[in-house]
Amino acid sequence: MIESWVIGDDSPVPVSSAVVPEVLRSRIGSGRFETRLTSSSGRLLTFVTNTERAMVMLSEDDGDPGEHAVDPGAQGVSRGFLLSNGQDDEYPDEDTVPVGEAIGLVEQIVGTGSWPAGAHWVADR
């Protein structure tokens, strides 16, 4: 069975991988920096950005610490990751990726259910 994904706070209508870049950029443009997608099998895909870098997390369910994309060798800390609950986070740059790359990761996961070949990610389990 192929998973379908919906954006948690928008619509119960599944999104295709082809529209993911447009949807994420539109949400960023309207000031919504956190996007949470839920799959038909219960997996969660979270994208949080400060418009320059993004945290991308994939979890099996709400209680799973999951796994996240990384940028090996990146140095520094980025601020301004505004969550939908108003929390303003900061992350080490090695735990985030450039926003364009992050959008591509989300597009791939929505389309195939897994990280792209060559993507860098770590399990937090």
PDB file of N, CA and C in Angstrom:
ATOM      1  N   MET A   1       0.825  -1.179   0.000  1.00  0.00           N
ATOM      2  CA  MET A   1       0.000   0.000   0.000  1.00  0.00           C
ATOM      3  C   MET A   1       0.879   1.256   0.000  1.00  0.00           C
ATOM      4  N   ILE A   2       0.571   2.191  -0.842  1.00  0.00           N
ATOM      5  CA  ILE A   2       1.280   3.452  -0.900  1.00  0.00           C
ATOM      6  C   ILE A   2       0.640   4.408   0.094  1.00  0.00           C
ATOM      7  N   GLU A   3       1.467   5.061   0.888  1.00  0.00           N
ATOM      8  CA  GLU A   3       0.970   6.027   1.864  1.00  0.00           C
ATOM      9  C   GLU A   3       0.473   7.285   1.168  1.00  0.00           C
ATOM     10  N   SER A   4      -0.525   7.890   1.758  1.00  0.00           N
ATOM     11  CA  SER A   4      -0.925   9.225   1.347  1.00  0.00           C
ATOM     12  C   SER A   4      -0.647  10.141   2.539  1.00  0.00           C
ATOM     13  N   TRP A   5      -0.435  11.413   2.263  1.00  0.00           N
ATOM     14  CA  TRP A   5      -0.077  12.379   3.299  1.00  0.00           C
ATOM     15  C   TRP A   5      -1.035  13.557   3.267  1.00  0.00           C
ATOM     16  N   VAL A   6      -1.414  14.037   4.450  1.00  0.00           N
ATOM     17  CA  VAL A   6      -2.237  15.236   4.567  1.00  0.00           C
ATOM     18  C   VAL A   6      -1.510  16.227   5.467  1.00  0.00           C
ATOM     19  N   ILE A   7      -1.768  17.504   5.214  1.00  0.00           N
ATOM     20  CA  ILE A   7      -1.220  18.548   6.070  1.00  0.00           C
ATOM     21  C   ILE A   7      -2.166  18.707   7.240  1.00  0.00           C
ATOM     22  N   GLY A   8      -1.641  18.503   8.428  1.00  0.00           N
ATOM     23  CA  GLY A   8      -2.441  18.412   9.639  1.00  0.00           C
ATOM     24  C   GLY A   8      -3.405  19.531   9.898  1.00  0.00           C
ATOM     25  N   ASP A   9      -3.053  20.771   9.603  1.00  0.00           N
ATOM     26  CA  ASP A   9      -3.928  21.880   9.987  1.00  0.00           C
ATOM     27  C   ASP A   9      -4.652  22.512   8.808  1.00  0.00           C
ATOM     28  N   ASP A  10      -4.550  21.916   7.645  1.00  0.00           N
ATOM     29  CA  ASP A  10      -5.158  22.528   6.466  1.00  0.00           C
ATOM     30  C   ASP A  10      -6.405  21.801   5.988  1.00  0.00           C
ATOM     31  N   SER A  11      -6.217  20.603   5.494  1.00  0.00           N
ATOM     32  CA  SER A  11      -7.303  19.909   4.824  1.00  0.00           C
ATOM     33  C   SER A  11      -7.110  18.407   4.949  1.00  0.00           C
ATOM     34  N   PRO A  12      -8.196  17.649   4.984  1.00  0.00           N
ATOM     35  CA  PRO A  12      -8.062  16.198   5.027  1.00  0.00           C
ATOM     36  C   PRO A  12      -7.734  15.597   3.651  1.00  0.00           C
ATOM     37  N   VAL A  13      -7.590  16.455   2.648  1.00  0.00           N
ATOM     38  CA  VAL A  13      -7.298  15.992   1.293  1.00  0.00           C
ATOM     39  C   VAL A  13      -5.803  15.706   1.169  1.00  0.00           C
ATOM     40  N   PRO A  14      -5.424  14.515   0.726  1.00  0.00           N
ATOM     41  CA  PRO A  14      -4.006  14.196   0.571  1.00  0.00           C
ATOM     42  C   PRO A  14      -3.307  15.144  -0.405  1.00  0.00           C
ATOM     43  N   VAL A  15      -2.028  15.410  -0.115  1.00  0.00           N
ATOM     44  CA  VAL A  15      -1.204  16.213  -1.002  1.00  0.00           C
ATOM     45  C   VAL A  15      -0.280  15.281  -1.775  1.00  0.00           C
ATOM     46  N   SER A  16      -0.016  15.629  -3.020  1.00  0.00           N
ATOM     47  CA  SER A  16       0.934  14.838  -3.810  1.00  0.00           C
ATOM     48  C   SER A  16       2.318  15.439  -3.640  1.00  0.00           C
ATOM     49  N   SER A  17       3.328  14.626  -3.898  1.00  0.00           N
ATOM     50  CA  SER A  17       4.695  15.110  -3.784  1.00  0.00           C
ATOM     51  C   SER A  17       4.949  16.266  -4.746  1.00  0.00           C
ATOM     52  N   ALA A  18       4.256  16.281  -5.878  1.00  0.00           N
ATOM     53  CA  ALA A  18       4.459  17.326  -6.878  1.00  0.00           C
ATOM     54  C   ALA A  18       4.074  18.716  -6.372  1.00  0.00           C
ATOM     55  N   VAL A  19       3.120  18.800  -5.452  1.00  0.00           N
ATOM     56  CA  VAL A  19       2.690  20.108  -4.949  1.00  0.00           C
ATOM     57  C   VAL A  19       3.372  20.502  -3.638  1.00  0.00           C
ATOM     58  N   VAL A  20       4.131  19.588  -3.046  1.00  0.00           N
ATOM     59  CA  VAL A  20       4.773  19.868  -1.762  1.00  0.00           C
ATOM     60  C   VAL A  20       5.641  21.128  -1.797  1.00  0.00           C
ATOM     61  N   PRO A  21       6.526  21.311  -2.791  1.00  0.00           N
ATOM     62  CA  PRO A  21       7.337  22.541  -2.781  1.00  0.00           C
ATOM     63  C   PRO A  21       6.493  23.810  -2.791  1.00  0.00           C
ATOM     64  N   GLU A  22       5.481  23.850  -3.617  1.00  0.00           N
ATOM     65  CA  GLU A  22       4.609  25.022  -3.696  1.00  0.00           C
ATOM     66  C   GLU A  22       3.870  25.248  -2.380  1.00  0.00           C
ATOM     67  N   VAL A  23       3.354  24.187  -1.788  1.00  0.00           N
ATOM     68  CA  VAL A  23       2.616  24.300  -0.527  1.00  0.00           C
ATOM     69  C   VAL A  23       3.529  24.815   0.580  1.00  0.00           C
ATOM     70  N   LEU A  24       4.732  24.242   0.707  1.00  0.00           N
ATOM     71  CA  LEU A  24       5.640  24.677   1.765  1.00  0.00           C
ATOM     72  C   LEU A  24       6.064  26.134   1.564  1.00  0.00           C
ATOM     73  N   ARG A  25       6.384  26.509   0.333  1.00  0.00           N
ATOM     74  CA  ARG A  25       6.791  27.898   0.079  1.00  0.00           C
ATOM     75  C   ARG A  25       5.641  28.868   0.352  1.00  0.00           C
ATOM     76  N   SER A  26       4.421  28.465   0.011  1.00  0.00           N
ATOM     77  CA  SER A  26       3.252  29.304   0.275  1.00  0.00           C
ATOM     78  C   SER A  26       3.048  29.487   1.772  1.00  0.00           C
ATOM     79  N   ARG A  27       3.184  28.411   2.524  1.00  0.00           N
ATOM     80  CA  ARG A  27       3.021  28.488   3.973  1.00  0.00           C
ATOM     81  C   ARG A  27       4.098  29.383   4.588  1.00  0.00           C
ATOM     82  N   ILE A  28       5.332  29.247   4.125  1.00  0.00           N
ATOM     83  CA  ILE A  28       6.414  30.095   4.624  1.00  0.00           C
ATOM     84  C   ILE A  28       6.102  31.558   4.307  1.00  0.00           C
ATOM     85  N   GLY A  29       5.652  31.812   3.080  1.00  0.00           N
ATOM     86  CA  GLY A  29       5.326  33.170   2.659  1.00  0.00           C
ATOM     87  C   GLY A  29       4.208  33.805   3.470  1.00  0.00           C
ATOM     88  N   SER A  30       3.329  32.959   4.018  1.00  0.00           N
ATOM     89  CA  SER A  30       2.229  33.498   4.821  1.00  0.00           C
ATOM     90  C   SER A  30       2.537  33.465   6.325  1.00  0.00           C
ATOM     91  N   GLY A  31       3.799  33.170   6.663  1.00  0.00           N
ATOM     92  CA  GLY A  31       4.203  33.212   8.063  1.00  0.00           C
ATOM     93  C   GLY A  31       3.960  31.944   8.847  1.00  0.00           C
ATOM     94  N   ARG A  32       3.659  30.847   8.172  1.00  0.00           N
ATOM     95  CA  ARG A  32       3.486  29.561   8.869  1.00  0.00           C
ATOM     96  C   ARG A  32       4.766  28.757   8.651  1.00  0.00           C
ATOM     97  N   PHE A  33       5.632  28.774   9.669  1.00  0.00           N
ATOM     98  CA  PHE A  33       6.960  28.195   9.539  1.00  0.00           C
ATOM     99  C   PHE A  33       7.032  26.740   9.979  1.00  0.00           C
ATOM    100  N   GLU A  34       5.958  26.214  10.537  1.00  0.00           N
ATOM    101  CA  GLU A  34       5.900  24.802  10.917  1.00  0.00           C
ATOM    102  C   GLU A  34       4.810  24.129  10.098  1.00  0.00           C
ATOM    103  N   THR A  35       5.162  23.014   9.484  1.00  0.00           N
ATOM    104  CA  THR A  35       4.187  22.220   8.743  1.00  0.00           C
ATOM    105  C   THR A  35       4.323  20.778   9.215  1.00  0.00           C
ATOM    106  N   ARG A  36       3.205  20.214   9.578  1.00  0.00           N
ATOM    107  CA  ARG A  36       3.190  18.821  10.041  1.00  0.00           C
ATOM    108  C   ARG A  36       2.292  18.022   9.113  1.00  0.00           C
ATOM    109  N   LEU A  37       2.855  16.998   8.515  1.00  0.00           N
ATOM    110  CA  LEU A  37       2.098  16.109   7.643  1.00  0.00           C
ATOM    111  C   LEU A  37       1.908  14.767   8.338  1.00  0.00           C
ATOM    112  N   THR A  38       0.748  14.161   8.127  1.00  0.00           N
ATOM    113  CA  THR A  38       0.442  12.857   8.702  1.00  0.00           C
ATOM    114  C   THR A  38       0.139  11.905   7.566  1.00  0.00           C
ATOM    115  N   SER A  39       0.729  10.713   7.629  1.00  0.00           N
ATOM    116  CA  SER A  39       0.500   9.735   6.570  1.00  0.00           C
ATOM    117  C   SER A  39      -0.686   8.844   6.914  1.00  0.00           C
ATOM    118  N   SER A  40      -1.174   8.167   5.901  1.00  0.00           N
ATOM    119  CA  SER A  40      -2.303   7.252   6.080  1.00  0.00           C
ATOM    120  C   SER A  40      -1.937   6.079   6.986  1.00  0.00           C
ATOM    121  N   SER A  41      -0.645   5.846   7.205  1.00  0.00           N
ATOM    122  CA  SER A  41      -0.227   4.773   8.114  1.00  0.00           C
ATOM    123  C   SER A  41       0.118   5.316   9.502  1.00  0.00           C
ATOM    124  N   GLY A  42      -0.095   6.623   9.735  1.00  0.00           N
ATOM    125  CA  GLY A  42       0.121   7.209  11.049  1.00  0.00           C
ATOM    126  C   GLY A  42       1.491   7.836  11.247  1.00  0.00           C
ATOM    127  N   ARG A  43       2.355   7.778  10.242  1.00  0.00           N
ATOM    128  CA  ARG A  43       3.669   8.412  10.391  1.00  0.00           C
ATOM    129  C   ARG A  43       3.528   9.929  10.339  1.00  0.00           C
ATOM    130  N   LEU A  44       4.478  10.616  10.945  1.00  0.00           N
ATOM    131  CA  LEU A  44       4.459  12.072  11.016  1.00  0.00           C
ATOM    132  C   LEU A  44       5.716  12.626  10.359  1.00  0.00           C
ATOM    133  N   LEU A  45       5.544  13.667   9.580  1.00  0.00           N
ATOM    134  CA  LEU A  45       6.643  14.353   8.911  1.00  0.00           C
ATOM    135  C   LEU A  45       6.530  15.823   9.293  1.00  0.00           C
ATOM    136  N   THR A  46       7.545  16.333   9.981  1.00  0.00           N
ATOM    137  CA  THR A  46       7.517  17.701  10.469  1.00  0.00           C
ATOM    138  C   THR A  46       8.598  18.519   9.778  1.00  0.00           C
ATOM    139  N   PHE A  47       8.211  19.698   9.324  1.00  0.00           N
ATOM    140  CA  PHE A  47       9.095  20.655   8.669  1.00  0.00           C
ATOM    141  C   PHE A  47       8.973  21.966   9.443  1.00  0.00           C
ATOM    142  N   VAL A  48      10.091  22.451   9.985  1.00  0.00           N
ATOM    143  CA  VAL A  48      10.106  23.728  10.701  1.00  0.00           C
ATOM    144  C   VAL A  48      11.261  24.542  10.137  1.00  0.00           C
ATOM    145  N   THR A  49      10.991  25.793   9.772  1.00  0.00           N
ATOM    146  CA  THR A  49      12.014  26.615   9.140  1.00  0.00           C
ATOM    147  C   THR A  49      12.114  27.999   9.759  1.00  0.00           C
ATOM    148  N   ASN A  50      13.272  28.608   9.578  1.00  0.00           N
ATOM    149  CA  ASN A  50      13.456  30.020   9.900  1.00  0.00           C
ATOM    150  C   ASN A  50      13.625  30.810   8.598  1.00  0.00           C
ATOM    151  N   THR A  51      13.260  30.216   7.497  1.00  0.00           N
ATOM    152  CA  THR A  51      13.327  30.680   6.106  1.00  0.00           C
ATOM    153  C   THR A  51      14.688  30.478   5.461  1.00  0.00           C
ATOM    154  N   GLU A  52      15.730  30.206   6.237  1.00  0.00           N
ATOM    155  CA  GLU A  52      17.049  29.924   5.684  1.00  0.00           C
ATOM    156  C   GLU A  52      17.429  28.466   5.845  1.00  0.00           C
ATOM    157  N   ARG A  53      17.144  27.914   6.994  1.00  0.00           N
ATOM    158  CA  ARG A  53      17.428  26.511   7.293  1.00  0.00           C
ATOM    159  C   ARG A  53      16.137  25.870   7.780  1.00  0.00           C
ATOM    160  N   ALA A  54      16.113  24.528   7.783  1.00  0.00           N
ATOM    161  CA  ALA A  54      14.906  23.830   8.243  1.00  0.00           C
ATOM    162  C   ALA A  54      15.265  22.539   8.961  1.00  0.00           C
ATOM    163  N   MET A  55      14.436  22.212   9.925  1.00  0.00           N
ATOM    164  CA  MET A  55      14.493  20.933  10.616  1.00  0.00           C
ATOM    165  C   MET A  55      13.461  20.051   9.928  1.00  0.00           C
ATOM    166  N   VAL A  56      13.861  18.852   9.506  1.00  0.00           N
ATOM    167  CA  VAL A  56      12.945  17.881   8.900  1.00  0.00           C
ATOM    168  C   VAL A  56      13.008  16.622   9.745  1.00  0.00           C
ATOM    169  N   MET A  57      11.858  16.241  10.323  1.00  0.00           N
ATOM    170  CA  MET A  57      11.788  15.073  11.198  1.00  0.00           C
ATOM    171  C   MET A  57      10.747  14.093  10.674  1.00  0.00           C
ATOM    172  N   LEU A  58      11.089  12.809  10.716  1.00  0.00           N
ATOM    173  CA  LEU A  58      10.179  11.740  10.322  1.00  0.00           C
ATOM    174  C   LEU A  58      10.025  10.792  11.498  1.00  0.00           C
ATOM    175  N   SER A  59       8.783  10.599  11.947  1.00  0.00           N
ATOM    176  CA  SER A  59       8.495   9.744  13.109  1.00  0.00           C
ATOM    177  C   SER A  59       7.460   8.693  12.748  1.00  0.00           C
ATOM    178  N   GLU A  60       7.538   7.555  13.415  1.00  0.00           N
ATOM    179  CA  GLU A  60       6.581   6.478  13.173  1.00  0.00           C
ATOM    180  C   GLU A  60       5.206   6.789  13.757  1.00  0.00           C
ATOM    181  N   ASP A  61       5.177   7.560  14.854  1.00  0.00           N
ATOM    182  CA  ASP A  61       3.925   7.980  15.487  1.00  0.00           C
ATOM    183  C   ASP A  61       4.243   9.131  16.424  1.00  0.00           C
ATOM    184  N   ASP A  62       3.236   9.631  17.123  1.00  0.00           N
ATOM    185  CA  ASP A  62       3.398  10.813  17.969  1.00  0.00           C
ATOM    186  C   ASP A  62       4.397  10.610  19.103  1.00  0.00           C
ATOM    187  N   GLY A  63       4.568   9.393  19.593  1.00  0.00           N
ATOM    188  CA  GLY A  63       5.487   9.137  20.696  1.00  0.00           C
ATOM    189  C   GLY A  63       6.892   8.759  20.274  1.00  0.00           C
ATOM    190  N   ASP A  64       7.117   8.590  18.995  1.00  0.00           N
ATOM    191  CA  ASP A  64       8.413   8.159  18.479  1.00  0.00           C
ATOM    192  C   ASP A  64       9.340   9.354  18.320  1.00  0.00           C
ATOM    193  N   PRO A  65      10.565   9.308  18.882  1.00  0.00           N
ATOM    194  CA  PRO A  65      11.503  10.408  18.690  1.00  0.00           C
ATOM    195  C   PRO A  65      11.947  10.544  17.231  1.00  0.00           C
ATOM    196  N   GLY A  66      11.824   9.470  16.467  1.00  0.00           N
ATOM    197  CA  GLY A  66      12.035   9.518  15.029  1.00  0.00           C
ATOM    198  C   GLY A  66      13.462   9.699  14.585  1.00  0.00           C
ATOM    199  N   GLU A  67      13.584  10.383  13.463  1.00  0.00           N
ATOM    200  CA  GLU A  67      14.864  10.637  12.827  1.00  0.00           C
ATOM    201  C   GLU A  67      14.781  12.005  12.160  1.00  0.00           C
ATOM    202  N   HIS A  68      15.938  12.628  11.962  1.00  0.00           N
ATOM    203  CA  HIS A  68      15.909  13.962  11.360  1.00  0.00           C
ATOM    204  C   HIS A  68      17.089  14.158  10.411  1.00  0.00           C
ATOM    205  N   ALA A  69      16.885  15.061   9.463  1.00  0.00           N
ATOM    206  CA  ALA A  69      17.920  15.393   8.486  1.00  0.00           C
ATOM    207  C   ALA A  69      19.037  16.164   9.178  1.00  0.00           C
ATOM    208  N   VAL A  70      20.276  15.933   8.734  1.00  0.00           N
ATOM    209  CA  VAL A  70      21.431  16.627   9.296  1.00  0.00           C
ATOM    210  C   VAL A  70      22.310  17.175   8.176  1.00  0.00           C
ATOM    211  N   ASP A  71      23.142  18.108   8.558  1.00  0.00           N
ATOM    212  CA  ASP A  71      24.101  18.737   7.656  1.00  0.00           C
ATOM    213  C   ASP A  71      25.482  18.538   8.282  1.00  0.00           C
ATOM    214  N   PRO A  72      26.096  17.357   8.029  1.00  0.00           N
ATOM    215  CA  PRO A  72      27.381  17.051   8.671  1.00  0.00           C
ATOM    216  C   PRO A  72      28.411  18.148   8.406  1.00  0.00           C
ATOM    217  N   GLY A  73      29.077  18.547   9.453  1.00  0.00           N
ATOM    218  CA  GLY A  73      30.120  19.553   9.327  1.00  0.00           C
ATOM    219  C   GLY A  73      29.636  20.988   9.436  1.00  0.00           C
ATOM    220  N   ALA A  74      28.323  21.206   9.397  1.00  0.00           N
ATOM    221  CA  ALA A  74      27.808  22.573   9.542  1.00  0.00           C
ATOM    222  C   ALA A  74      28.126  23.057  10.953  1.00  0.00           C
ATOM    223  N   GLN A  75      28.459  24.330  11.063  1.00  0.00           N
ATOM    224  CA  GLN A  75      28.811  24.881  12.362  1.00  0.00           C
ATOM    225  C   GLN A  75      27.921  26.068  12.676  1.00  0.00           C
ATOM    226  N   GLY A  76      27.725  26.284  13.934  1.00  0.00           N
ATOM    227  CA  GLY A  76      26.930  27.414  14.372  1.00  0.00           C
ATOM    228  C   GLY A  76      25.553  26.987  14.835  1.00  0.00           C
ATOM    229  N   VAL A  77      24.770  27.983  15.174  1.00  0.00           N
ATOM    230  CA  VAL A  77      23.411  27.793  15.672  1.00  0.00           C
ATOM    231  C   VAL A  77      22.518  28.773  14.933  1.00  0.00           C
ATOM    232  N   SER A  78      21.336  28.323  14.561  1.00  0.00           N
ATOM    233  CA  SER A  78      20.368  29.217  13.915  1.00  0.00           C
ATOM    234  C   SER A  78      19.157  29.369  14.817  1.00  0.00           C
ATOM    235  N   ARG A  79      18.629  30.569  14.840  1.00  0.00           N
ATOM    236  CA  ARG A  79      17.464  30.897  15.657  1.00  0.00           C
ATOM    237  C   ARG A  79      16.275  31.189  14.751  1.00  0.00           C
ATOM    238  N   GLY A  80      15.125  31.397  15.376  1.00  0.00           N
ATOM    239  CA  GLY A  80      13.953  31.847  14.639  1.00  0.00           C
ATOM    240  C   GLY A  80      13.085  30.752  14.065  1.00  0.00           C
ATOM    241  N   PHE A  81      13.173  29.548  14.616  1.00  0.00           N
ATOM    242  CA  PHE A  81      12.303  28.456  14.178  1.00  0.00           C
ATOM    243  C   PHE A  81      11.014  28.569  14.989  1.00  0.00           C
ATOM    244  N   LEU A  82      10.029  29.265  14.431  1.00  0.00           N
ATOM    245  CA  LEU A  82       8.792  29.574  15.139  1.00  0.00           C
ATOM    246  C   LEU A  82       7.780  28.448  14.960  1.00  0.00           C
ATOM    247  N   LEU A  83       7.446  27.801  16.072  1.00  0.00           N
ATOM    248  CA  LEU A  83       6.476  26.709  16.052  1.00  0.00           C
ATOM    249  C   LEU A  83       5.056  27.266  16.096  1.00  0.00           C
ATOM    250  N   SER A  84       4.107  26.437  15.693  1.00  0.00           N
ATOM    251  CA  SER A  84       2.711  26.885  15.631  1.00  0.00           C
ATOM    252  C   SER A  84       2.147  27.239  17.007  1.00  0.00           C
ATOM    253  N   ASN A  85       2.747  26.715  18.083  1.00  0.00           N
ATOM    254  CA  ASN A  85       2.277  27.041  19.429  1.00  0.00           C
ATOM    255  C   ASN A  85       2.912  28.320  19.976  1.00  0.00           C
ATOM    256  N   GLY A  86       3.709  29.012  19.133  1.00  0.00           N
ATOM    257  CA  GLY A  86       4.338  30.259  19.531  1.00  0.00           C
ATOM    258  C   GLY A  86       5.755  30.102  20.055  1.00  0.00           C
ATOM    259  N   GLN A  87       6.174  28.873  20.306  1.00  0.00           N
ATOM    260  CA  GLN A  87       7.531  28.624  20.788  1.00  0.00           C
ATOM    261  C   GLN A  87       8.539  28.998  19.708  1.00  0.00           C
ATOM    262  N   ASP A  88       9.593  29.692  20.105  1.00  0.00           N
ATOM    263  CA  ASP A  88      10.644  30.130  19.186  1.00  0.00           C
ATOM    264  C   ASP A  88      11.898  29.321  19.512  1.00  0.00           C
ATOM    265  N   ASP A  89      12.269  28.387  18.630  1.00  0.00           N
ATOM    266  CA  ASP A  89      13.388  27.480  18.884  1.00  0.00           C
ATOM    267  C   ASP A  89      14.651  27.909  18.169  1.00  0.00           C
ATOM    268  N   GLU A  90      15.753  27.345  18.640  1.00  0.00           N
ATOM    269  CA  GLU A  90      17.030  27.451  17.954  1.00  0.00           C
ATOM    270  C   GLU A  90      17.616  26.047  17.873  1.00  0.00           C
ATOM    271  N   TYR A  91      18.359  25.781  16.815  1.00  0.00           N
ATOM    272  CA  TYR A  91      18.950  24.466  16.599  1.00  0.00           C
ATOM    273  C   TYR A  91      20.387  24.618  16.122  1.00  0.00           C
ATOM    274  N   PRO A  92      21.247  23.669  16.482  1.00  0.00           N
ATOM    275  CA  PRO A  92      22.575  23.646  15.880  1.00  0.00           C
ATOM    276  C   PRO A  92      22.416  23.463  14.364  1.00  0.00           C
ATOM    277  N   ASP A  93      23.242  24.164  13.594  1.00  0.00           N
ATOM    278  CA  ASP A  93      23.131  24.061  12.139  1.00  0.00           C
ATOM    279  C   ASP A  93      23.345  22.633  11.638  1.00  0.00           C
ATOM    280  N   GLU A  94      24.106  21.834  12.368  1.00  0.00           N
ATOM    281  CA  GLU A  94      24.304  20.450  11.945  1.00  0.00           C
ATOM    282  C   GLU A  94      23.012  19.629  12.045  1.00  0.00           C
ATOM    283  N   ASP A  95      22.025  20.108  12.809  1.00  0.00           N
ATOM    284  CA  ASP A  95      20.742  19.407  12.943  1.00  0.00           C
ATOM    285  C   ASP A  95      19.662  19.965  12.027  1.00  0.00           C
ATOM    286  N   THR A  96      20.052  20.874  11.136  1.00  0.00           N
ATOM    287  CA  THR A  96      19.133  21.436  10.150  1.00  0.00           C
ATOM    288  C   THR A  96      19.817  21.400   8.788  1.00  0.00           C
ATOM    289  N   VAL A  97      19.051  21.675   7.744  1.00  0.00           N
ATOM    290  CA  VAL A  97      19.601  21.729   6.387  1.00  0.00           C
ATOM    291  C   VAL A  97      19.097  23.002   5.713  1.00  0.00           C
ATOM    292  N   PRO A  98      19.763  23.461   4.653  1.00  0.00           N
ATOM    293  CA  PRO A  98      19.248  24.627   3.932  1.00  0.00           C
ATOM    294  C   PRO A  98      17.802  24.384   3.494  1.00  0.00           C
ATOM    295  N   VAL A  99      16.993  25.440   3.514  1.00  0.00           N
ATOM    296  CA  VAL A  99      15.555  25.295   3.293  1.00  0.00           C
ATOM    297  C   VAL A  99      15.230  24.636   1.947  1.00  0.00           C
ATOM    298  N   GLY A 100      15.948  24.957   0.887  1.00  0.00           N
ATOM    299  CA  GLY A 100      15.688  24.330  -0.411  1.00  0.00           C
ATOM    300  C   GLY A 100      15.898  22.828  -0.377  1.00  0.00           C
ATOM    301  N   GLU A 101      16.957  22.405   0.292  1.00  0.00           N
ATOM    302  CA  GLU A 101      17.221  20.971   0.458  1.00  0.00           C
ATOM    303  C   GLU A 101      16.121  20.322   1.283  1.00  0.00           C
ATOM    304  N   ALA A 102      15.701  21.007   2.339  1.00  0.00           N
ATOM    305  CA  ALA A 102      14.653  20.473   3.214  1.00  0.00           C
ATOM    306  C   ALA A 102      13.350  20.261   2.451  1.00  0.00           C
ATOM    307  N   ILE A 103      12.993  21.213   1.607  1.00  0.00           N
ATOM    308  CA  ILE A 103      11.772  21.076   0.807  1.00  0.00           C
ATOM    309  C   ILE A 103      11.888  19.856  -0.098  1.00  0.00           C
ATOM    310  N   GLY A 104      13.047  19.644  -0.683  1.00  0.00           N
ATOM    311  CA  GLY A 104      13.270  18.460  -1.518  1.00  0.00           C
ATOM    312  C   GLY A 104      13.155  17.164  -0.729  1.00  0.00           C
ATOM    313  N   LEU A 105      13.630  17.165   0.514  1.00  0.00           N
ATOM    314  CA  LEU A 105      13.517  15.978   1.359  1.00  0.00           C
ATOM    315  C   LEU A 105      12.052  15.650   1.643  1.00  0.00           C
ATOM    316  N   VAL A 106      11.281  16.680   1.991  1.00  0.00           N
ATOM    317  CA  VAL A 106       9.857  16.461   2.260  1.00  0.00           C
ATOM    318  C   VAL A 106       9.154  15.953   1.004  1.00  0.00           C
ATOM    319  N   GLU A 107       9.468  16.534  -0.131  1.00  0.00           N
ATOM    320  CA  GLU A 107       8.879  16.093  -1.401  1.00  0.00           C
ATOM    321  C   GLU A 107       9.176  14.616  -1.653  1.00  0.00           C
ATOM    322  N   GLN A 108      10.411  14.196  -1.427  1.00  0.00           N
ATOM    323  CA  GLN A 108      10.817  12.798  -1.636  1.00  0.00           C
ATOM    324  C   GLN A 108      10.098  11.856  -0.674  1.00  0.00           C
ATOM    325  N   ILE A 109      10.041  12.240   0.594  1.00  0.00           N
ATOM    326  CA  ILE A 109       9.396  11.369   1.585  1.00  0.00           C
ATOM    327  C   ILE A 109       7.908  11.228   1.285  1.00  0.00           C
ATOM    328  N   VAL A 110       7.253  12.312   0.925  1.00  0.00           N
ATOM    329  CA  VAL A 110       5.831  12.241   0.570  1.00  0.00           C
ATOM    330  C   VAL A 110       5.639  11.361  -0.668  1.00  0.00           C
ATOM    331  N   GLY A 111       6.556  11.430  -1.606  1.00  0.00           N
ATOM    332  CA  GLY A 111       6.434  10.655  -2.844  1.00  0.00           C
ATOM    333  C   GLY A 111       6.787   9.188  -2.722  1.00  0.00           C
ATOM    334  N   THR A 112       7.763   8.879  -1.850  1.00  0.00           N
ATOM    335  CA  THR A 112       8.261   7.493  -1.794  1.00  0.00           C
ATOM    336  C   THR A 112       8.163   6.846  -0.422  1.00  0.00           C
ATOM    337  N   GLY A 113       7.984   7.657   0.607  1.00  0.00           N
ATOM    338  CA  GLY A 113       7.910   7.120   1.963  1.00  0.00           C
ATOM    339  C   GLY A 113       9.250   6.998   2.657  1.00  0.00           C
ATOM    340  N   SER A 114      10.340   7.372   1.977  1.00  0.00           N
ATOM    341  CA  SER A 114      11.653   7.238   2.612  1.00  0.00           C
ATOM    342  C   SER A 114      12.575   8.384   2.219  1.00  0.00           C
ATOM    343  N   TRP A 115      13.666   8.490   2.965  1.00  0.00           N
ATOM    344  CA  TRP A 115      14.673   9.502   2.685  1.00  0.00           C
ATOM    345  C   TRP A 115      15.286   9.238   1.315  1.00  0.00           C
ATOM    346  N   PRO A 116      15.661  10.278   0.593  1.00  0.00           N
ATOM    347  CA  PRO A 116      16.329  10.060  -0.692  1.00  0.00           C
ATOM    348  C   PRO A 116      17.705   9.425  -0.498  1.00  0.00           C
ATOM    349  N   ALA A 117      18.146   8.673  -1.499  1.00  0.00           N
ATOM    350  CA  ALA A 117      19.498   8.126  -1.475  1.00  0.00           C
ATOM    351  C   ALA A 117      20.471   9.290  -1.357  1.00  0.00           C
ATOM    352  N   GLY A 118      21.433   9.148  -0.503  1.00  0.00           N
ATOM    353  CA  GLY A 118      22.431  10.202  -0.341  1.00  0.00           C
ATOM    354  C   GLY A 118      22.067  11.259   0.676  1.00  0.00           C
ATOM    355  N   ALA A 119      20.849  11.238   1.187  1.00  0.00           N
ATOM    356  CA  ALA A 119      20.449  12.200   2.221  1.00  0.00           C
ATOM    357  C   ALA A 119      21.160  11.843   3.525  1.00  0.00           C
ATOM    358  N   HIS A 120      21.494  12.857   4.274  1.00  0.00           N
ATOM    359  CA  HIS A 120      22.109  12.633   5.584  1.00  0.00           C
ATOM    360  C   HIS A 120      21.030  12.804   6.653  1.00  0.00           C
ATOM    361  N   TRP A 121      20.874  11.776   7.471  1.00  0.00           N
ATOM    362  CA  TRP A 121      19.906  11.836   8.550  1.00  0.00           C
ATOM    363  C   TRP A 121      20.384  10.952   9.686  1.00  0.00           C
ATOM    364  N   VAL A 122      19.869  11.197  10.883  1.00  0.00           N
ATOM    365  CA  VAL A 122      20.211  10.397  12.033  1.00  0.00           C
ATOM    366  C   VAL A 122      18.933   9.966  12.752  1.00  0.00           C
ATOM    367  N   ALA A 123      19.005   8.788  13.337  1.00  0.00           N
ATOM    368  CA  ALA A 123      17.888   8.289  14.144  1.00  0.00           C
ATOM    369  C   ALA A 123      18.028   8.838  15.555  1.00  0.00           C
ATOM    370  N   ASP A 124      16.936   9.312  16.114  1.00  0.00           N
ATOM    371  CA  ASP A 124      16.922   9.837  17.482  1.00  0.00           C
ATOM    372  C   ASP A 124      16.341   8.831  18.465  1.00  0.00           C
ATOM    373  N   ARG A 125      16.109   7.626  18.011  1.00  0.00           N
ATOM    374  CA  ARG A 125      15.504   6.581  18.840  1.00  0.00           C
ATOM    375  C   ARG A 125      16.503   6.051  19.840  1.00  0.00           C
TER     376      ARG A 125
END
